[in-house]
Amino acid sequence: MAKVHASSAVEFRRSPRRRLVAAVVALLLLTAVVTAVTVLQHRQWWEVLLLYGPAGIGGAVVTRAVRKHQPRLPLRLTDTALELIIPDGSTLAIDLSDIARARVRGWLEPRLTVEPVDPQRTRPPLKAHQ
């Protein structure tokens, strides 16, 4: 989902539809796993949920806290540059004319890979293998 500001910069945000689809897929996978463990361990389904449920809930809470801390995707498109938030938290700007290739991979957890023409022309300049 993108949002356009008066400065004509486009900020990308997390899609509520993608989050809903991810939750439904996770719920279906969880149902299949609980069913398989129940059959293989000869237990009742609620015993399996009581045994493994707290770990799943803890993982969901941590994931939610991380995503809430970063409300927008680490990507902003202006008239002249593509601005990325790199893993250390700083902003990296690449002029649109300096982008050699940009690819998005993944469906549930998409990853953007941007290859600049010259890594030294980014702001700040990229280090080797960054």
Protein backbone atom coordinates (compact mmCIF):
# COMPACT_ATOMS: atom_id res chain seq x y z
CA MET A 1 0.00 0.00 0.00
CA ALA A 2 1.42 3.41 -0.91
CA LYS A 3 0.61 6.85 0.40
CA VAL A 4 1.37 10.06 -1.50
CA HIS A 5 2.25 13.21 0.44
CA ALA A 6 2.15 16.80 -0.76
CA SER A 7 5.91 16.63 -1.46
CA SER A 8 5.13 13.96 -4.11
CA ALA A 9 7.11 11.36 -2.18
CA VAL A 10 5.57 7.90 -1.99
CA GLU A 11 5.84 6.02 1.31
CA PHE A 12 5.04 2.34 1.32
CA ARG A 13 3.15 0.79 4.22
CA ARG A 14 2.30 -2.74 5.23
CA SER A 15 -0.83 -4.06 3.55
CA PRO A 16 -3.71 -5.09 5.87
CA ARG A 17 -4.81 -7.62 3.23
CA ARG A 18 -1.34 -9.23 3.20
CA ARG A 19 -1.42 -9.45 7.01
CA LEU A 20 -4.86 -11.09 6.90
CA VAL A 21 -3.76 -13.61 4.28
CA ALA A 22 -0.63 -14.41 6.30
CA ALA A 23 -2.73 -14.94 9.45
CA VAL A 24 -5.16 -17.25 7.63
CA VAL A 25 -2.31 -19.26 6.09
CA ALA A 26 -0.61 -19.52 9.50
CA LEU A 27 -3.85 -20.68 11.11
CA LEU A 28 -4.35 -23.37 8.44
CA LEU A 29 -0.77 -24.57 8.85
CA LEU A 30 -1.16 -24.59 12.63
CA THR A 31 -4.32 -26.69 12.31
CA ALA A 32 -2.49 -29.21 10.12
CA VAL A 33 0.48 -29.39 12.51
CA VAL A 34 -1.75 -29.84 15.60
CA THR A 35 -3.67 -32.58 13.81
CA ALA A 36 -0.48 -34.39 12.80
CA VAL A 37 1.09 -34.14 16.28
CA THR A 38 -2.17 -35.28 17.89
CA VAL A 39 -2.30 -38.39 15.70
CA LEU A 40 1.41 -39.21 15.98
CA GLN A 41 1.67 -38.74 19.75
CA HIS A 42 -1.74 -40.28 20.56
CA ARG A 43 -2.82 -37.23 22.55
CA GLN A 44 -5.92 -35.09 22.68
CA TRP A 45 -5.80 -31.91 20.60
CA TRP A 46 -6.10 -29.61 23.61
CA GLU A 47 -3.07 -31.27 25.24
CA VAL A 48 -1.00 -30.42 22.17
CA LEU A 49 -2.25 -26.82 22.21
CA LEU A 50 -1.49 -26.48 25.92
CA LEU A 51 1.99 -27.90 25.39
CA TYR A 52 3.03 -25.84 22.32
CA GLY A 53 0.54 -22.95 22.42
CA PRO A 54 2.47 -20.64 24.77
CA ALA A 55 5.51 -20.71 22.46
CA GLY A 56 3.32 -19.82 19.48
CA ILE A 57 1.63 -16.99 21.34
CA GLY A 58 5.02 -15.66 22.46
CA GLY A 59 6.30 -15.68 18.89
CA ALA A 60 3.19 -13.86 17.67
CA VAL A 61 3.54 -11.18 20.37
CA VAL A 62 7.21 -10.59 19.53
CA THR A 63 6.43 -10.38 15.79
CA ARG A 64 3.61 -7.92 16.43
CA ALA A 65 5.83 -5.76 18.65
CA VAL A 66 8.55 -5.61 15.98
CA ARG A 67 6.12 -4.68 13.22
CA LYS A 68 4.39 -2.09 15.41
CA HIS A 69 7.76 -0.47 16.10
CA GLN A 70 8.30 -0.09 12.32
CA PRO A 71 4.92 1.12 10.97
CA ARG A 72 6.08 1.78 7.42
CA LEU A 73 8.17 -0.31 5.12
CA PRO A 74 11.79 0.75 4.87
CA LEU A 75 11.19 2.33 1.46
CA ARG A 76 10.35 5.83 0.24
CA LEU A 77 10.23 6.98 -3.37
CA THR A 78 10.78 10.66 -4.18
CA ASP A 79 10.98 12.46 -7.53
CA THR A 80 14.73 12.04 -7.68
CA ALA A 81 15.74 9.14 -5.45
CA LEU A 82 14.84 5.88 -3.79
CA GLU A 83 15.35 6.06 -0.03
CA LEU A 84 15.92 2.84 1.89
CA ILE A 85 16.29 2.15 5.59
CA ILE A 86 19.27 -0.19 5.88
CA PRO A 87 19.59 -2.73 8.73
CA ASP A 88 21.59 -0.39 10.99
CA GLY A 89 18.67 2.11 10.91
CA SER A 90 20.22 4.84 8.77
CA THR A 91 18.73 6.07 5.49
CA LEU A 92 20.39 5.26 2.18
CA ALA A 93 19.45 7.34 -0.89
CA ILE A 94 20.02 6.12 -4.43
CA ASP A 95 19.31 8.42 -7.36
CA LEU A 96 16.81 6.88 -9.76
CA SER A 97 19.32 7.13 -12.62
CA ASP A 98 21.84 5.14 -10.54
CA ILE A 99 19.66 2.03 -10.07
CA ALA A 100 20.89 -0.87 -12.19
CA ARG A 101 18.30 -3.41 -11.02
CA ALA A 102 15.63 -3.74 -8.35
CA ARG A 103 13.87 -7.01 -7.54
CA VAL A 104 11.24 -8.08 -5.05
CA ARG A 105 11.27 -11.70 -3.94
CA GLY A 106 8.92 -13.55 -1.65
CA TRP A 107 5.19 -13.56 -1.13
CA LEU A 108 4.43 -13.61 2.59
CA GLU A 109 7.63 -11.84 3.55
CA PRO A 110 8.78 -9.88 0.47
CA ARG A 111 12.40 -8.73 0.20
CA LEU A 112 13.61 -5.86 -1.97
CA THR A 113 17.07 -6.09 -3.55
CA VAL A 114 18.43 -2.94 -5.17
CA GLU A 115 21.67 -2.94 -7.15
CA PRO A 116 23.14 0.52 -7.81
CA VAL A 117 25.19 1.24 -10.93
CA ASP A 118 28.01 2.61 -8.78
CA PRO A 119 27.89 1.96 -5.00
CA GLN A 120 30.07 5.01 -4.38
CA ARG A 121 27.38 7.36 -5.80
CA THR A 122 24.81 6.48 -3.13
CA ARG A 123 24.29 8.76 -0.14
CA PRO A 124 26.10 7.71 2.06
CA PRO A 125 28.44 5.62 -0.14
CA LEU A 126 28.00 1.88 0.25
CA LYS A 127 30.81 -0.26 1.56
CA ALA A 128 31.94 -3.43 -0.17
CA HIS A 129 29.36 -6.29 0.06
CA GLN A 130 26.74 -4.11 1.72
